[in-house]
Amino acid sequence: MLPKGSQSAEFKVEKRMKYIVAVVRPERLSAVKEALFRVAVTGMTITRVSGHGGEHEIVEHYRGSSVVLEFRDKVRIEMAVSEPFVEPTVRAIMGAAQTGEVGDGKIFVQPLERVIRIRTGEENVDALTPVTASEVQMRAKESRTQVSA
């Protein structure tokens, strides 16, 4: 039995959120984005980054000098999802980013305490309401139609 005023365990599971960060090869970005859209994850932030993991250094020759390239170009994809979207999101990223070679990247899944949508003030899972890619395109088309009218 739960203490008076406490939430049920079922309610807490439904309201949990995760912050997922994936670092992948830049040439896999389009495939990862498409895979995420297929599982209804359309909100993401993408940043170009450089990093070093298990890959070997590359030695290049530039104007007669050897140059050691320690860091590789990568893409960092960040997204916040509600609990039911965590595993589909991870599987989508894995399936689209994996080449089987060293340097495919990493996925980090972290608990997320609170989310607030600035425009509406909605919080937590309500601020993460999934919007499909087709809905995004439809809304954009509608707004263009309203502007031109």
Protein backbone atom coordinates (compact mmCIF):
# COMPACT_ATOMS: atom_id res chain seq x y z
CA MET A 1 0.00 0.00 0.00
CA LEU A 2 1.27 3.47 -0.90
CA PRO A 3 1.46 6.30 1.65
CA LYS A 4 -1.39 8.80 1.52
CA GLY A 5 -0.80 11.46 -1.14
CA SER A 6 1.91 9.49 -2.95
CA GLN A 7 1.71 8.58 -6.62
CA SER A 8 1.36 5.03 -7.84
CA ALA A 9 4.43 3.28 -9.24
CA GLU A 10 2.57 2.97 -12.55
CA PHE A 11 2.11 6.74 -12.75
CA LYS A 12 5.79 7.38 -11.99
CA VAL A 13 6.94 5.02 -14.76
CA GLU A 14 4.69 6.78 -17.26
CA LYS A 15 6.13 10.19 -16.36
CA ARG A 16 9.82 9.30 -16.50
CA MET A 17 11.95 10.97 -19.15
CA LYS A 18 15.44 10.39 -20.50
CA TYR A 19 18.03 12.61 -22.15
CA ILE A 20 19.73 10.72 -24.96
CA VAL A 21 23.00 11.86 -26.49
CA ALA A 22 24.48 10.03 -29.46
CA VAL A 23 27.88 10.76 -30.97
CA VAL A 24 28.09 9.30 -34.48
CA ARG A 25 30.03 9.53 -37.73
CA PRO A 26 28.99 12.60 -39.79
CA GLU A 27 28.33 10.46 -42.87
CA ARG A 28 25.71 8.49 -40.88
CA LEU A 29 23.70 11.59 -39.83
CA SER A 30 21.08 11.38 -42.59
CA ALA A 31 20.43 7.70 -41.92
CA VAL A 32 20.17 8.31 -38.16
CA LYS A 33 17.78 11.22 -38.64
CA GLU A 34 15.55 9.16 -40.95
CA ALA A 35 15.55 6.26 -38.49
CA LEU A 36 14.58 8.59 -35.63
CA PHE A 37 11.73 10.08 -37.69
CA ARG A 38 10.44 6.54 -38.36
CA VAL A 39 10.09 5.95 -34.59
CA ALA A 40 8.38 9.37 -34.14
CA VAL A 41 11.38 11.14 -32.59
CA THR A 42 11.51 14.45 -34.46
CA GLY A 43 12.87 16.84 -31.84
CA MET A 44 16.65 16.86 -31.69
CA THR A 45 19.66 19.14 -31.50
CA ILE A 46 22.62 18.43 -33.76
CA THR A 47 26.14 19.76 -33.16
CA ARG A 48 29.36 19.18 -35.11
CA VAL A 49 32.05 18.05 -32.65
CA SER A 50 35.52 16.53 -32.65
CA GLY A 51 36.53 13.63 -30.48
CA HIS A 52 38.85 10.75 -29.83
CA GLY A 53 37.90 7.29 -28.67
CA GLY A 54 39.28 3.94 -29.71
CA GLU A 55 40.39 5.03 -33.17
CA HIS A 56 44.03 5.13 -34.08
CA GLU A 57 45.67 8.43 -34.83
CA ILE A 58 46.06 9.33 -38.48
CA VAL A 59 49.39 10.68 -39.71
CA GLU A 60 49.09 12.89 -42.76
CA HIS A 61 51.79 14.70 -44.64
CA TYR A 62 51.29 18.37 -45.31
CA ARG A 63 53.91 20.42 -47.16
CA GLY A 64 56.67 18.01 -46.25
CA SER A 65 55.74 17.77 -42.55
CA SER A 66 54.00 14.95 -40.72
CA VAL A 67 50.79 16.02 -39.01
CA VAL A 68 49.10 13.79 -36.43
CA LEU A 69 45.31 14.01 -36.45
CA GLU A 70 44.22 12.98 -32.97
CA PHE A 71 40.58 14.02 -33.19
CA ARG A 72 37.92 12.91 -35.64
CA ASP A 73 34.91 14.86 -36.81
CA LYS A 74 31.70 13.55 -35.25
CA VAL A 75 28.08 14.63 -34.90
CA ARG A 76 26.43 14.94 -31.50
CA ILE A 77 22.67 14.34 -31.53
CA GLU A 78 20.73 15.25 -28.39
CA MET A 79 17.09 14.52 -27.65
CA ALA A 80 14.71 14.25 -24.71
CA VAL A 81 12.18 11.42 -24.81
CA SER A 82 9.56 9.91 -22.54
CA GLU A 83 10.16 6.38 -21.22
CA PRO A 84 8.21 4.51 -23.95
CA PHE A 85 10.46 6.07 -26.62
CA VAL A 86 13.82 5.19 -25.03
CA GLU A 87 14.41 1.71 -26.46
CA PRO A 88 12.97 2.49 -29.93
CA THR A 89 15.24 5.55 -30.04
CA VAL A 90 18.35 3.59 -29.04
CA ARG A 91 17.55 0.81 -31.55
CA ALA A 92 16.97 3.37 -34.33
CA ILE A 93 20.31 5.06 -33.68
CA MET A 94 22.15 1.73 -33.42
CA GLY A 95 20.65 0.41 -36.63
CA ALA A 96 21.41 3.54 -38.62
CA ALA A 97 24.84 4.45 -37.21
CA GLN A 98 26.50 1.06 -36.90
CA THR A 99 29.12 0.16 -39.51
CA GLY A 100 30.97 -2.42 -37.43
CA GLU A 101 34.16 -0.37 -37.47
CA VAL A 102 35.97 1.34 -34.61
CA GLY A 103 34.67 4.90 -34.36
CA ASP A 104 30.94 4.23 -34.88
CA GLY A 105 30.25 6.29 -31.77
CA LYS A 106 28.43 6.05 -28.47
CA ILE A 107 24.92 6.50 -27.08
CA PHE A 108 24.45 7.94 -23.60
CA VAL A 109 21.08 7.59 -21.82
CA GLN A 110 20.61 9.77 -18.74
CA PRO A 111 17.68 10.48 -16.42
CA LEU A 112 15.96 13.79 -17.09
CA GLU A 113 14.54 15.68 -14.14
CA ARG A 114 12.38 18.36 -15.76
CA VAL A 115 11.48 19.77 -19.19
CA ILE A 116 9.64 23.02 -19.88
CA ARG A 117 8.38 24.09 -23.30
CA ILE A 118 9.10 27.83 -23.33
CA ARG A 119 6.33 28.75 -25.79
CA THR A 120 3.44 27.22 -23.80
CA GLY A 121 4.82 26.55 -20.33
CA GLU A 122 3.98 22.84 -20.68
CA GLU A 123 6.14 20.66 -18.49
CA ASN A 124 7.72 17.23 -18.53
CA VAL A 125 6.06 14.58 -20.72
CA ASP A 126 3.52 17.14 -22.00
CA ALA A 127 6.45 19.20 -23.30
CA LEU A 128 7.76 16.10 -25.13
CA THR A 129 4.59 15.30 -27.03
CA PRO A 130 5.73 13.41 -30.13
CA VAL A 131 5.14 15.08 -33.46
CA THR A 132 5.69 13.03 -36.58
CA ALA A 133 7.74 14.27 -39.52
CA SER A 134 4.60 14.42 -41.68
CA GLU A 135 2.88 16.61 -39.06
CA VAL A 136 5.88 18.97 -39.02
CA GLN A 137 5.76 19.24 -42.83
CA MET A 138 1.97 19.71 -42.82
CA ARG A 139 2.18 22.51 -40.23
CA ALA A 140 4.93 24.22 -42.21
CA LYS A 141 2.84 24.03 -45.36
CA GLU A 142 -0.21 25.43 -43.53
CA SER A 143 1.78 28.34 -42.12
CA ARG A 144 3.16 29.17 -45.60
CA THR A 145 -0.40 29.09 -46.97
CA GLN A 146 -1.65 31.43 -44.21
CA VAL A 147 1.21 33.89 -44.81
CA SER A 148 0.59 34.03 -48.57
CA ALA A 149 -3.20 34.46 -48.13
